PDB file of N, CA and C in Angstrom:
ATOM      1  N   MET A   1      87.442  -8.338  54.200  1.00  0.00           N
ATOM      2  CA  MET A   1      86.543  -7.495  54.962  1.00  0.00           C
ATOM      3  C   MET A   1      87.227  -6.162  55.250  1.00  0.00           C
ATOM      4  N   ILE A   2      86.483  -5.096  55.162  1.00  0.00           N
ATOM      5  CA  ILE A   2      87.031  -3.757  55.380  1.00  0.00           C
ATOM      6  C   ILE A   2      86.849  -3.388  56.845  1.00  0.00           C
ATOM      7  N   GLU A   3      87.952  -2.978  57.468  1.00  0.00           N
ATOM      8  CA  GLU A   3      87.902  -2.518  58.855  1.00  0.00           C
ATOM      9  C   GLU A   3      87.455  -1.061  58.866  1.00  0.00           C
ATOM     10  N   THR A   4      86.609  -0.715  59.808  1.00  0.00           N
ATOM     11  CA  THR A   4      86.183   0.675  59.940  1.00  0.00           C
ATOM     12  C   THR A   4      86.458   1.156  61.354  1.00  0.00           C
ATOM     13  N   SER A   5      86.749   2.432  61.462  1.00  0.00           N
ATOM     14  CA  SER A   5      86.960   3.011  62.783  1.00  0.00           C
ATOM     15  C   SER A   5      85.603   3.405  63.351  1.00  0.00           C
ATOM     16  N   ARG A   6      85.562   3.731  64.631  1.00  0.00           N
ATOM     17  CA  ARG A   6      84.311   4.145  65.285  1.00  0.00           C
ATOM     18  C   ARG A   6      83.749   5.416  64.633  1.00  0.00           C
ATOM     19  N   GLU A   7      84.630   6.321  64.158  1.00  0.00           N
ATOM     20  CA  GLU A   7      84.153   7.554  63.538  1.00  0.00           C
ATOM     21  C   GLU A   7      83.445   7.258  62.215  1.00  0.00           C
ATOM     22  N   THR A   8      84.000   6.373  61.416  1.00  0.00           N
ATOM     23  CA  THR A   8      83.381   6.083  60.122  1.00  0.00           C
ATOM     24  C   THR A   8      82.149   5.205  60.280  1.00  0.00           C
ATOM     25  N   GLU A   9      82.055   4.446  61.348  1.00  0.00           N
ATOM     26  CA  GLU A   9      80.848   3.640  61.576  1.00  0.00           C
ATOM     27  C   GLU A   9      79.624   4.535  61.720  1.00  0.00           C
ATOM     28  N   GLY A  10      79.780   5.649  62.435  1.00  0.00           N
ATOM     29  CA  GLY A  10      78.672   6.588  62.601  1.00  0.00           C
ATOM     30  C   GLY A  10      78.242   7.172  61.268  1.00  0.00           C
ATOM     31  N   ALA A  11      79.214   7.512  60.433  1.00  0.00           N
ATOM     32  CA  ALA A  11      78.897   8.047  59.103  1.00  0.00           C
ATOM     33  C   ALA A  11      78.209   6.979  58.261  1.00  0.00           C
ATOM     34  N   ASP A  12      78.695   5.747  58.324  1.00  0.00           N
ATOM     35  CA  ASP A  12      78.078   4.655  57.571  1.00  0.00           C
ATOM     36  C   ASP A  12      76.643   4.418  58.033  1.00  0.00           C
ATOM     37  N   LEU A  13      76.419   4.454  59.336  1.00  0.00           N
ATOM     38  CA  LEU A  13      75.065   4.281  59.863  1.00  0.00           C
ATOM     39  C   LEU A  13      74.145   5.401  59.400  1.00  0.00           C
ATOM     40  N   LYS A  14      74.661   6.619  59.392  1.00  0.00           N
ATOM     41  CA  LYS A  14      73.866   7.751  58.921  1.00  0.00           C
ATOM     42  C   LYS A  14      73.461   7.545  57.459  1.00  0.00           C
ATOM     43  N   ASP A  15      74.410   7.060  56.655  1.00  0.00           N
ATOM     44  CA  ASP A  15      74.105   6.813  55.248  1.00  0.00           C
ATOM     45  C   ASP A  15      73.023   5.749  55.097  1.00  0.00           C
ATOM     46  N   ILE A  16      73.101   4.720  55.903  1.00  0.00           N
ATOM     47  CA  ILE A  16      72.099   3.648  55.852  1.00  0.00           C
ATOM     48  C   ILE A  16      70.733   4.189  56.273  1.00  0.00           C
ATOM     49  N   ILE A  17      70.699   4.950  57.347  1.00  0.00           N
ATOM     50  CA  ILE A  17      69.443   5.534  57.826  1.00  0.00           C
ATOM     51  C   ILE A  17      68.878   6.495  56.784  1.00  0.00           C
ATOM     52  N   SER A  18      69.734   7.324  56.212  1.00  0.00           N
ATOM     53  CA  SER A  18      69.316   8.272  55.193  1.00  0.00           C
ATOM     54  C   SER A  18      68.724   7.537  53.984  1.00  0.00           C
ATOM     55  N   PHE A  19      69.388   6.472  53.563  1.00  0.00           N
ATOM     56  CA  PHE A  19      68.902   5.681  52.435  1.00  0.00           C
ATOM     57  C   PHE A  19      67.527   5.091  52.738  1.00  0.00           C
ATOM     58  N   GLN A  20      67.347   4.553  53.943  1.00  0.00           N
ATOM     59  CA  GLN A  20      66.072   3.940  54.318  1.00  0.00           C
ATOM     60  C   GLN A  20      64.952   4.983  54.398  1.00  0.00           C
ATOM     61  N   ILE A  21      65.263   6.164  54.899  1.00  0.00           N
ATOM     62  CA  ILE A  21      64.274   7.244  54.960  1.00  0.00           C
ATOM     63  C   ILE A  21      63.859   7.634  53.541  1.00  0.00           C
ATOM     64  N   HIS A  22      64.845   7.821  52.680  1.00  0.00           N
ATOM     65  CA  HIS A  22      64.573   8.194  51.298  1.00  0.00           C
ATOM     66  C   HIS A  22      63.714   7.121  50.626  1.00  0.00           C
ATOM     67  N   ARG A  23      64.061   5.892  50.845  1.00  0.00           N
ATOM     68  CA  ARG A  23      63.313   4.777  50.267  1.00  0.00           C
ATOM     69  C   ARG A  23      61.858   4.762  50.756  1.00  0.00           C
ATOM     70  N   GLY A  24      61.659   5.024  52.036  1.00  0.00           N
ATOM     71  CA  GLY A  24      60.319   5.063  52.598  1.00  0.00           C
ATOM     72  C   GLY A  24      59.482   6.193  52.030  1.00  0.00           C
ATOM     73  N   VAL A  25      60.083   7.365  51.876  1.00  0.00           N
ATOM     74  CA  VAL A  25      59.356   8.512  51.333  1.00  0.00           C
ATOM     75  C   VAL A  25      59.005   8.256  49.865  1.00  0.00           C
ATOM     76  N   VAL A  26      59.939   7.701  49.102  1.00  0.00           N
ATOM     77  CA  VAL A  26      59.666   7.389  47.696  1.00  0.00           C
ATOM     78  C   VAL A  26      58.519   6.382  47.600  1.00  0.00           C
ATOM     79  N   SER A  27      58.539   5.387  48.465  1.00  0.00           N
ATOM     80  CA  SER A  27      57.456   4.400  48.484  1.00  0.00           C
ATOM     81  C   SER A  27      56.118   5.076  48.779  1.00  0.00           C
ATOM     82  N   LEU A  28      56.133   6.012  49.691  1.00  0.00           N
ATOM     83  CA  LEU A  28      54.912   6.737  50.051  1.00  0.00           C
ATOM     84  C   LEU A  28      54.374   7.530  48.869  1.00  0.00           C
ATOM     85  N   TYR A  29      55.243   8.292  48.173  1.00  0.00           N
ATOM     86  CA  TYR A  29      54.673   9.080  47.093  1.00  0.00           C
ATOM     87  C   TYR A  29      54.349   8.247  45.870  1.00  0.00           C
ATOM     88  N   LYS A  30      54.954   7.070  45.705  1.00  0.00           N
ATOM     89  CA  LYS A  30      54.514   6.152  44.643  1.00  0.00           C
ATOM     90  C   LYS A  30      53.088   5.670  44.930  1.00  0.00           C
ATOM     91  N   LYS A  31      52.793   5.433  46.193  1.00  0.00           N
ATOM     92  CA  LYS A  31      51.445   5.020  46.580  1.00  0.00           C
ATOM     93  C   LYS A  31      50.447   6.150  46.303  1.00  0.00           C
ATOM     94  N   TYR A  32      50.846   7.394  46.567  1.00  0.00           N
ATOM     95  CA  TYR A  32      49.987   8.533  46.250  1.00  0.00           C
ATOM     96  C   TYR A  32      49.745   8.632  44.742  1.00  0.00           C
ATOM     97  N   PHE A  33      50.761   8.321  43.925  1.00  0.00           N
ATOM     98  CA  PHE A  33      50.578   8.299  42.474  1.00  0.00           C
ATOM     99  C   PHE A  33      49.520   7.271  42.082  1.00  0.00           C
ATOM    100  N   GLU A  34      49.603   6.082  42.679  1.00  0.00           N
ATOM    101  CA  GLU A  34      48.635   5.026  42.380  1.00  0.00           C
ATOM    102  C   GLU A  34      47.217   5.474  42.745  1.00  0.00           C
ATOM    103  N   ILE A  35      47.080   6.071  43.906  1.00  0.00           N
ATOM    104  CA  ILE A  35      45.760   6.550  44.346  1.00  0.00           C
ATOM    105  C   ILE A  35      45.234   7.617  43.386  1.00  0.00           C
ATOM    106  N   THR A  36      46.090   8.529  42.975  1.00  0.00           N
ATOM    107  CA  THR A  36      45.690   9.594  42.061  1.00  0.00           C
ATOM    108  C   THR A  36      45.302   9.020  40.701  1.00  0.00           C
ATOM    109  N   GLU A  37      46.066   8.034  40.227  1.00  0.00           N
ATOM    110  CA  GLU A  37      45.721   7.378  38.964  1.00  0.00           C
ATOM    111  C   GLU A  37      44.371   6.675  39.072  1.00  0.00           C
ATOM    112  N   ASP A  38      44.108   6.038  40.204  1.00  0.00           N
ATOM    113  CA  ASP A  38      42.806   5.394  40.426  1.00  0.00           C
ATOM    114  C   ASP A  38      41.673   6.417  40.378  1.00  0.00           C
ATOM    115  N   LEU A  39      41.883   7.554  41.018  1.00  0.00           N
ATOM    116  CA  LEU A  39      40.862   8.608  41.010  1.00  0.00           C
ATOM    117  C   LEU A  39      40.611   9.133  39.593  1.00  0.00           C
ATOM    118  N   LEU A  40      41.679   9.308  38.824  1.00  0.00           N
ATOM    119  CA  LEU A  40      41.542   9.780  37.445  1.00  0.00           C
ATOM    120  C   LEU A  40      40.743   8.769  36.621  1.00  0.00           C
ATOM    121  N   SER A  41      41.072   7.514  36.785  1.00  0.00           N
ATOM    122  CA  SER A  41      40.365   6.454  36.060  1.00  0.00           C
ATOM    123  C   SER A  41      38.888   6.419  36.442  1.00  0.00           C
ATOM    124  N   GLU A  42      38.592   6.492  37.734  1.00  0.00           N
ATOM    125  CA  GLU A  42      37.202   6.486  38.197  1.00  0.00           C
ATOM    126  C   GLU A  42      36.437   7.705  37.674  1.00  0.00           C
ATOM    127  N   HIS A  43      37.102   8.833  37.616  1.00  0.00           N
ATOM    128  CA  HIS A  43      36.482  10.058  37.106  1.00  0.00           C
ATOM    129  C   HIS A  43      36.084   9.880  35.639  1.00  0.00           C
ATOM    130  N   LYS A  44      37.001   9.316  34.843  1.00  0.00           N
ATOM    131  CA  LYS A  44      36.716   9.101  33.420  1.00  0.00           C
ATOM    132  C   LYS A  44      35.561   8.107  33.235  1.00  0.00           C
ATOM    133  N   VAL A  45      35.532   7.052  34.045  1.00  0.00           N
ATOM    134  CA  VAL A  45      34.442   6.076  33.977  1.00  0.00           C
ATOM    135  C   VAL A  45      33.119   6.755  34.333  1.00  0.00           C
ATOM    136  N   PHE A  46      33.134   7.585  35.370  1.00  0.00           N
ATOM    137  CA  PHE A  46      31.921   8.303  35.779  1.00  0.00           C
ATOM    138  C   PHE A  46      31.382   9.165  34.641  1.00  0.00           C
ATOM    139  N   LEU A  47      32.270   9.936  34.004  1.00  0.00           N
ATOM    140  CA  LEU A  47      31.834  10.806  32.903  1.00  0.00           C
ATOM    141  C   LEU A  47      31.289   9.988  31.738  1.00  0.00           C
ATOM    142  N   SER A  48      31.930   8.872  31.463  1.00  0.00           N
ATOM    143  CA  SER A  48      31.470   8.005  30.380  1.00  0.00           C
ATOM    144  C   SER A  48      30.070   7.450  30.673  1.00  0.00           C
ATOM    145  N   ARG A  49      29.871   6.983  31.898  1.00  0.00           N
ATOM    146  CA  ARG A  49      28.559   6.455  32.290  1.00  0.00           C
ATOM    147  C   ARG A  49      27.484   7.540  32.235  1.00  0.00           C
ATOM    148  N   LEU A  50      27.841   8.713  32.679  1.00  0.00           N
ATOM    149  CA  LEU A  50      26.900   9.837  32.648  1.00  0.00           C
ATOM    150  C   LEU A  50      26.502  10.158  31.211  1.00  0.00           C
ATOM    151  N   GLY A  51      27.480  10.170  30.319  1.00  0.00           N
ATOM    152  CA  GLY A  51      27.211  10.425  28.905  1.00  0.00           C
ATOM    153  C   GLY A  51      26.327   9.347  28.297  1.00  0.00           C
ATOM    154  N   ASP A  52      26.613   8.081  28.635  1.00  0.00           N
ATOM    155  CA  ASP A  52      25.806   6.969  28.129  1.00  0.00           C
ATOM    156  C   ASP A  52      24.363   7.069  28.618  1.00  0.00           C
ATOM    157  N   LYS A  53      24.180   7.361  29.888  1.00  0.00           N
ATOM    158  CA  LYS A  53      22.822   7.484  30.451  1.00  0.00           C
ATOM    159  C   LYS A  53      22.058   8.630  29.793  1.00  0.00           C
ATOM    160  N   ALA A  54      22.755   9.720  29.542  1.00  0.00           N
ATOM    161  CA  ALA A  54      22.112  10.866  28.905  1.00  0.00           C
ATOM    162  C   ALA A  54      21.671  10.513  27.489  1.00  0.00           C
ATOM    163  N   GLU A  55      22.534   9.813  26.750  1.00  0.00           N
ATOM    164  CA  GLU A  55      22.183   9.405  25.385  1.00  0.00           C
ATOM    165  C   GLU A  55      20.995   8.453  25.388  1.00  0.00           C
ATOM    166  N   ASN A  56      21.015   7.485  26.312  1.00  0.00           N
ATOM    167  CA  ASN A  56      19.944   6.489  26.383  1.00  0.00           C
ATOM    168  C   ASN A  56      18.607   7.098  26.795  1.00  0.00           C
ATOM    169  N   SER A  57      18.638   8.193  27.511  1.00  0.00           N
ATOM    170  CA  SER A  57      17.373   8.816  27.933  1.00  0.00           C
ATOM    171  C   SER A  57      16.952   9.935  26.988  1.00  0.00           C
ATOM    172  N   GLY A  58      17.679  10.091  25.885  1.00  0.00           N
ATOM    173  CA  GLY A  58      17.282  11.041  24.860  1.00  0.00           C
ATOM    174  C   GLY A  58      17.660  12.482  25.131  1.00  0.00           C
ATOM    175  N   VAL A  59      18.554  12.730  26.062  1.00  0.00           N
ATOM    176  CA  VAL A  59      18.981  14.104  26.344  1.00  0.00           C
ATOM    177  C   VAL A  59      19.954  14.541  25.247  1.00  0.00           C
ATOM    178  N   ASP A  60      19.655  15.658  24.629  1.00  0.00           N
ATOM    179  CA  ASP A  60      20.514  16.182  23.562  1.00  0.00           C
ATOM    180  C   ASP A  60      21.530  17.166  24.143  1.00  0.00           C
ATOM    181  N   SER A  61      22.570  17.325  23.432  1.00  0.00           N
ATOM    182  CA  SER A  61      23.633  18.295  23.727  1.00  0.00           C
ATOM    183  C   SER A  61      24.165  18.206  25.173  1.00  0.00           C
ATOM    184  N   ILE A  62      24.476  16.991  25.602  1.00  0.00           N
ATOM    185  CA  ILE A  62      25.066  16.795  26.932  1.00  0.00           C
ATOM    186  C   ILE A  62      26.582  17.042  26.910  1.00  0.00           C
ATOM    187  N   ALA A  63      27.170  17.006  25.716  1.00  0.00           N
ATOM    188  CA  ALA A  63      28.626  17.142  25.566  1.00  0.00           C
ATOM    189  C   ALA A  63      29.186  18.398  26.243  1.00  0.00           C
ATOM    190  N   PRO A  64      28.572  19.572  26.067  1.00  0.00           N
ATOM    191  CA  PRO A  64      29.117  20.763  26.741  1.00  0.00           C
ATOM    192  C   PRO A  64      29.086  20.639  28.271  1.00  0.00           C
ATOM    193  N   LEU A  65      28.013  20.020  28.777  1.00  0.00           N
ATOM    194  CA  LEU A  65      27.914  19.838  30.228  1.00  0.00           C
ATOM    195  C   LEU A  65      28.985  18.866  30.728  1.00  0.00           C
ATOM    196  N   LEU A  66      29.192  17.780  29.983  1.00  0.00           N
ATOM    197  CA  LEU A  66      30.230  16.811  30.361  1.00  0.00           C
ATOM    198  C   LEU A  66      31.615  17.457  30.339  1.00  0.00           C
ATOM    199  N   LYS A  67      31.828  18.314  29.364  1.00  0.00           N
ATOM    200  CA  LYS A  67      33.120  19.010  29.291  1.00  0.00           C
ATOM    201  C   LYS A  67      33.319  19.899  30.524  1.00  0.00           C
ATOM    202  N   GLU A  68      32.247  20.541  30.959  1.00  0.00           N
ATOM    203  CA  GLU A  68      32.319  21.373  32.170  1.00  0.00           C
ATOM    204  C   GLU A  68      32.554  20.536  33.421  1.00  0.00           C
ATOM    205  N   LEU A  69      31.945  19.364  33.473  1.00  0.00           N
ATOM    206  CA  LEU A  69      32.091  18.482  34.626  1.00  0.00           C
ATOM    207  C   LEU A  69      33.461  17.816  34.691  1.00  0.00           C
ATOM    208  N   ASP A  70      34.166  17.797  33.577  1.00  0.00           N
ATOM    209  CA  ASP A  70      35.467  17.125  33.517  1.00  0.00           C
ATOM    210  C   ASP A  70      36.565  18.008  34.118  1.00  0.00           C
ATOM    211  N   TYR A  71      36.588  18.025  35.433  1.00  0.00           N
ATOM    212  CA  TYR A  71      37.587  18.841  36.141  1.00  0.00           C
ATOM    213  C   TYR A  71      38.927  18.126  36.302  1.00  0.00           C
ATOM    214  N   PHE A  72      38.917  16.795  36.212  1.00  0.00           N
ATOM    215  CA  PHE A  72      40.120  16.009  36.474  1.00  0.00           C
ATOM    216  C   PHE A  72      40.772  15.637  35.141  1.00  0.00           C
ATOM    217  N   THR A  73      41.386  16.613  34.519  1.00  0.00           N
ATOM    218  CA  THR A  73      42.017  16.439  33.214  1.00  0.00           C
ATOM    219  C   THR A  73      43.439  15.899  33.391  1.00  0.00           C
ATOM    220  N   GLU A  74      44.064  15.537  32.291  1.00  0.00           N
ATOM    221  CA  GLU A  74      45.468  15.092  32.329  1.00  0.00           C
ATOM    222  C   GLU A  74      46.358  16.211  32.866  1.00  0.00           C
ATOM    223  N   GLU A  75      46.039  17.439  32.495  1.00  0.00           N
ATOM    224  CA  GLU A  75      46.816  18.585  32.987  1.00  0.00           C
ATOM    225  C   GLU A  75      46.707  18.686  34.508  1.00  0.00           C
ATOM    226  N   ARG A  76      45.487  18.543  35.017  1.00  0.00           N
ATOM    227  CA  ARG A  76      45.277  18.601  36.472  1.00  0.00           C
ATOM    228  C   ARG A  76      45.978  17.437  37.160  1.00  0.00           C
ATOM    229  N   TYR A  77      45.919  16.264  36.550  1.00  0.00           N
ATOM    230  CA  TYR A  77      46.609  15.091  37.092  1.00  0.00           C
ATOM    231  C   TYR A  77      48.113  15.361  37.200  1.00  0.00           C
ATOM    232  N   ASN A  78      48.689  15.946  36.148  1.00  0.00           N
ATOM    233  CA  ASN A  78      50.129  16.243  36.162  1.00  0.00           C
ATOM    234  C   ASN A  78      50.479  17.294  37.208  1.00  0.00           C
ATOM    235  N   GLN A  79      49.581  18.263  37.438  1.00  0.00           N
ATOM    236  CA  GLN A  79      49.817  19.245  38.500  1.00  0.00           C
ATOM    237  C   GLN A  79      49.835  18.570  39.865  1.00  0.00           C
ATOM    238  N   ILE A  80      48.895  17.665  40.088  1.00  0.00           N
ATOM    239  CA  ILE A  80      48.839  16.939  41.367  1.00  0.00           C
ATOM    240  C   ILE A  80      50.084  16.075  41.535  1.00  0.00           C
ATOM    241  N   ARG A  81      50.475  15.404  40.471  1.00  0.00           N
ATOM    242  CA  ARG A  81      51.669  14.551  40.493  1.00  0.00           C
ATOM    243  C   ARG A  81      52.913  15.373  40.866  1.00  0.00           C
ATOM    244  N   LYS A  82      53.030  16.564  40.279  1.00  0.00           N
ATOM    245  CA  LYS A  82      54.173  17.433  40.584  1.00  0.00           C
ATOM    246  C   LYS A  82      54.157  17.849  42.058  1.00  0.00           C
ATOM    247  N   LYS A  83      52.976  18.151  42.579  1.00  0.00           N
ATOM    248  CA  LYS A  83      52.873  18.535  43.994  1.00  0.00           C
ATOM    249  C   LYS A  83      53.293  17.377  44.895  1.00  0.00           C
ATOM    250  N   ILE A  84      52.915  16.163  44.538  1.00  0.00           N
ATOM    251  CA  ILE A  84      53.303  14.986  45.322  1.00  0.00           C
ATOM    252  C   ILE A  84      54.825  14.832  45.300  1.00  0.00           C
ATOM    253  N   LEU A  85      55.418  14.949  44.120  1.00  0.00           N
ATOM    254  CA  LEU A  85      56.881  14.844  44.004  1.00  0.00           C
ATOM    255  C   LEU A  85      57.582  15.936  44.810  1.00  0.00           C
ATOM    256  N   ASP A  86      57.091  17.160  44.693  1.00  0.00           N
ATOM    257  CA  ASP A  86      57.697  18.273  45.435  1.00  0.00           C
ATOM    258  C   ASP A  86      57.611  18.042  46.944  1.00  0.00           C
ATOM    259  N   ALA A  87      56.449  17.595  47.407  1.00  0.00           N
ATOM    260  CA  ALA A  87      56.279  17.343  48.845  1.00  0.00           C
ATOM    261  C   ALA A  87      57.207  16.223  49.312  1.00  0.00           C
ATOM    262  N   GLY A  88      57.328  15.168  48.521  1.00  0.00           N
ATOM    263  CA  GLY A  88      58.222  14.066  48.880  1.00  0.00           C
ATOM    264  C   GLY A  88      59.672  14.502  48.923  1.00  0.00           C
ATOM    265  N   ASN A  89      60.091  15.255  47.916  1.00  0.00           N
ATOM    266  CA  ASN A  89      61.477  15.737  47.882  1.00  0.00           C
ATOM    267  C   ASN A  89      61.755  16.713  49.024  1.00  0.00           C
ATOM    268  N   ASP A  90      60.789  17.572  49.351  1.00  0.00           N
ATOM    269  CA  ASP A  90      60.952  18.483  50.486  1.00  0.00           C
ATOM    270  C   ASP A  90      61.100  17.702  51.792  1.00  0.00           C
ATOM    271  N   ALA A  91      60.300  16.650  51.947  1.00  0.00           N
ATOM    272  CA  ALA A  91      60.371  15.832  53.161  1.00  0.00           C
ATOM    273  C   ALA A  91      61.739  15.176  53.288  1.00  0.00           C
ATOM    274  N   VAL A  92      62.248  14.635  52.191  1.00  0.00           N
ATOM    275  CA  VAL A  92      63.584  13.999  52.215  1.00  0.00           C
ATOM    276  C   VAL A  92      64.641  15.025  52.594  1.00  0.00           C
ATOM    277  N   ARG A  93      64.579  16.220  51.990  1.00  0.00           N
ATOM    278  CA  ARG A  93      65.573  17.257  52.311  1.00  0.00           C
ATOM    279  C   ARG A  93      65.522  17.655  53.782  1.00  0.00           C
ATOM    280  N   GLU A  94      64.325  17.817  54.320  1.00  0.00           N
ATOM    281  CA  GLU A  94      64.173  18.183  55.735  1.00  0.00           C
ATOM    282  C   GLU A  94      64.730  17.088  56.653  1.00  0.00           C
ATOM    283  N   LEU A  95      64.443  15.856  56.331  1.00  0.00           N
ATOM    284  CA  LEU A  95      64.958  14.743  57.142  1.00  0.00           C
ATOM    285  C   LEU A  95      66.478  14.656  57.055  1.00  0.00           C
ATOM    286  N   GLU A  96      67.021  14.900  55.872  1.00  0.00           N
ATOM    287  CA  GLU A  96      68.488  14.912  55.701  1.00  0.00           C
ATOM    288  C   GLU A  96      69.108  16.031  56.540  1.00  0.00           C
ATOM    289  N   ARG A  97      68.468  17.200  56.525  1.00  0.00           N
ATOM    290  CA  ARG A  97      68.966  18.315  57.326  1.00  0.00           C
ATOM    291  C   ARG A  97      68.947  17.975  58.809  1.00  0.00           C
ATOM    292  N   ALA A  98      67.884  17.316  59.257  1.00  0.00           N
ATOM    293  CA  ALA A  98      67.784  16.929  60.665  1.00  0.00           C
ATOM    294  C   ALA A  98      68.868  15.918  61.017  1.00  0.00           C
ATOM    295  N   LEU A  99      69.168  15.008  60.108  1.00  0.00           N
ATOM    296  CA  LEU A  99      70.212  14.010  60.365  1.00  0.00           C
ATOM    297  C   LEU A  99      71.594  14.647  60.512  1.00  0.00           C
ATOM    298  N   ASP A 100      71.786  15.812  59.877  1.00  0.00           N
ATOM    299  CA  ASP A 100      73.081  16.500  59.984  1.00  0.00           C
ATOM    300  C   ASP A 100      73.385  16.920  61.425  1.00  0.00           C
ATOM    301  N   PHE A 101      72.351  17.063  62.248  1.00  0.00           N
ATOM    302  CA  PHE A 101      72.534  17.498  63.633  1.00  0.00           C
ATOM    303  C   PHE A 101      72.615  16.327  64.608  1.00  0.00           C
ATOM    304  N   VAL A 102      72.637  15.113  64.077  1.00  0.00           N
ATOM    305  CA  VAL A 102      72.604  13.924  64.919  1.00  0.00           C
ATOM    306  C   VAL A 102      73.922  13.170  64.794  1.00  0.00           C
ATOM    307  N   GLU A 103      74.411  12.732  65.925  1.00  0.00           N
ATOM    308  CA  GLU A 103      75.588  11.869  65.925  1.00  0.00           C
ATOM    309  C   GLU A 103      75.115  10.465  66.279  1.00  0.00           C
ATOM    310  N   ILE A 104      75.463   9.524  65.444  1.00  0.00           N
ATOM    311  CA  ILE A 104      74.983   8.162  65.636  1.00  0.00           C
ATOM    312  C   ILE A 104      76.152   7.266  66.020  1.00  0.00           C
ATOM    313  N   LYS A 105      75.952   6.540  67.114  1.00  0.00           N
ATOM    314  CA  LYS A 105      76.980   5.614  67.588  1.00  0.00           C
ATOM    315  C   LYS A 105      76.330   4.269  67.877  1.00  0.00           C
ATOM    316  N   LEU A 106      77.084   3.236  67.673  1.00  0.00           N
ATOM    317  CA  LEU A 106      76.610   1.901  68.028  1.00  0.00           C
ATOM    318  C   LEU A 106      76.860   1.658  69.502  1.00  0.00           C
ATOM    319  N   LYS A 107      75.939   0.992  70.133  1.00  0.00           N
ATOM    320  CA  LYS A 107      76.162   0.607  71.524  1.00  0.00           C
ATOM    321  C   LYS A 107      77.230  -0.481  71.554  1.00  0.00           C
ATOM    322  N   GLU A 108      78.035  -0.419  72.567  1.00  0.00           N
ATOM    323  CA  GLU A 108      79.038  -1.480  72.756  1.00  0.00           C
ATOM    324  C   GLU A 108      78.297  -2.740  73.164  1.00  0.00           C
ATOM    325  N   SER A 109      78.715  -3.856  72.631  1.00  0.00           N
ATOM    326  CA  SER A 109      78.072  -5.114  73.043  1.00  0.00           C
ATOM    327  C   SER A 109      78.589  -5.490  74.414  1.00  0.00           C
ATOM    328  N   LYS A 110      77.825  -6.265  75.127  1.00  0.00           N
ATOM    329  CA  LYS A 110      78.211  -6.676  76.481  1.00  0.00           C
ATOM    330  C   LYS A 110      79.491  -7.500  76.465  1.00  0.00           C
ATOM    331  N   GLU A 111      79.769  -8.156  75.344  1.00  0.00           N
ATOM    332  CA  GLU A 111      80.974  -8.961  75.225  1.00  0.00           C
ATOM    333  C   GLU A 111      82.219  -8.115  75.192  1.00  0.00           C
ATOM    334  N   ASP A 112      82.106  -6.858  74.692  1.00  0.00           N
ATOM    335  CA  ASP A 112      83.261  -5.966  74.593  1.00  0.00           C
ATOM    336  C   ASP A 112      83.628  -5.335  75.937  1.00  0.00           C
ATOM    337  N   GLU A 113      82.730  -5.406  76.903  1.00  0.00           N
ATOM    338  CA  GLU A 113      82.964  -4.730  78.187  1.00  0.00           C
ATOM    339  C   GLU A 113      83.894  -5.506  79.063  1.00  0.00           C
TER     340      GLU A 113
END
């Protein structure tokens, strides 16, 4: 077992807290990715259904209209994904900066008193 001094315990605790914060933020933006992927999938299904209904009702030349309605492209999805990543990374950096101003100490147990 490695012995640690009181000074290094605070640094170790900060590292643990920092790791947990980072892990939580990553989990959050992974969830945003899933939601965005769901929206993209639903958008494609909607356009497909719209195209099918138009064909079945005899509407000609719906393709240009569908192309105009297709606002949620792969390019747009990638832009949103990048914004999510940037926001998550900015949040982690800000939290890390805030932790730099904090000194963390363990409370003494009642047995040590």
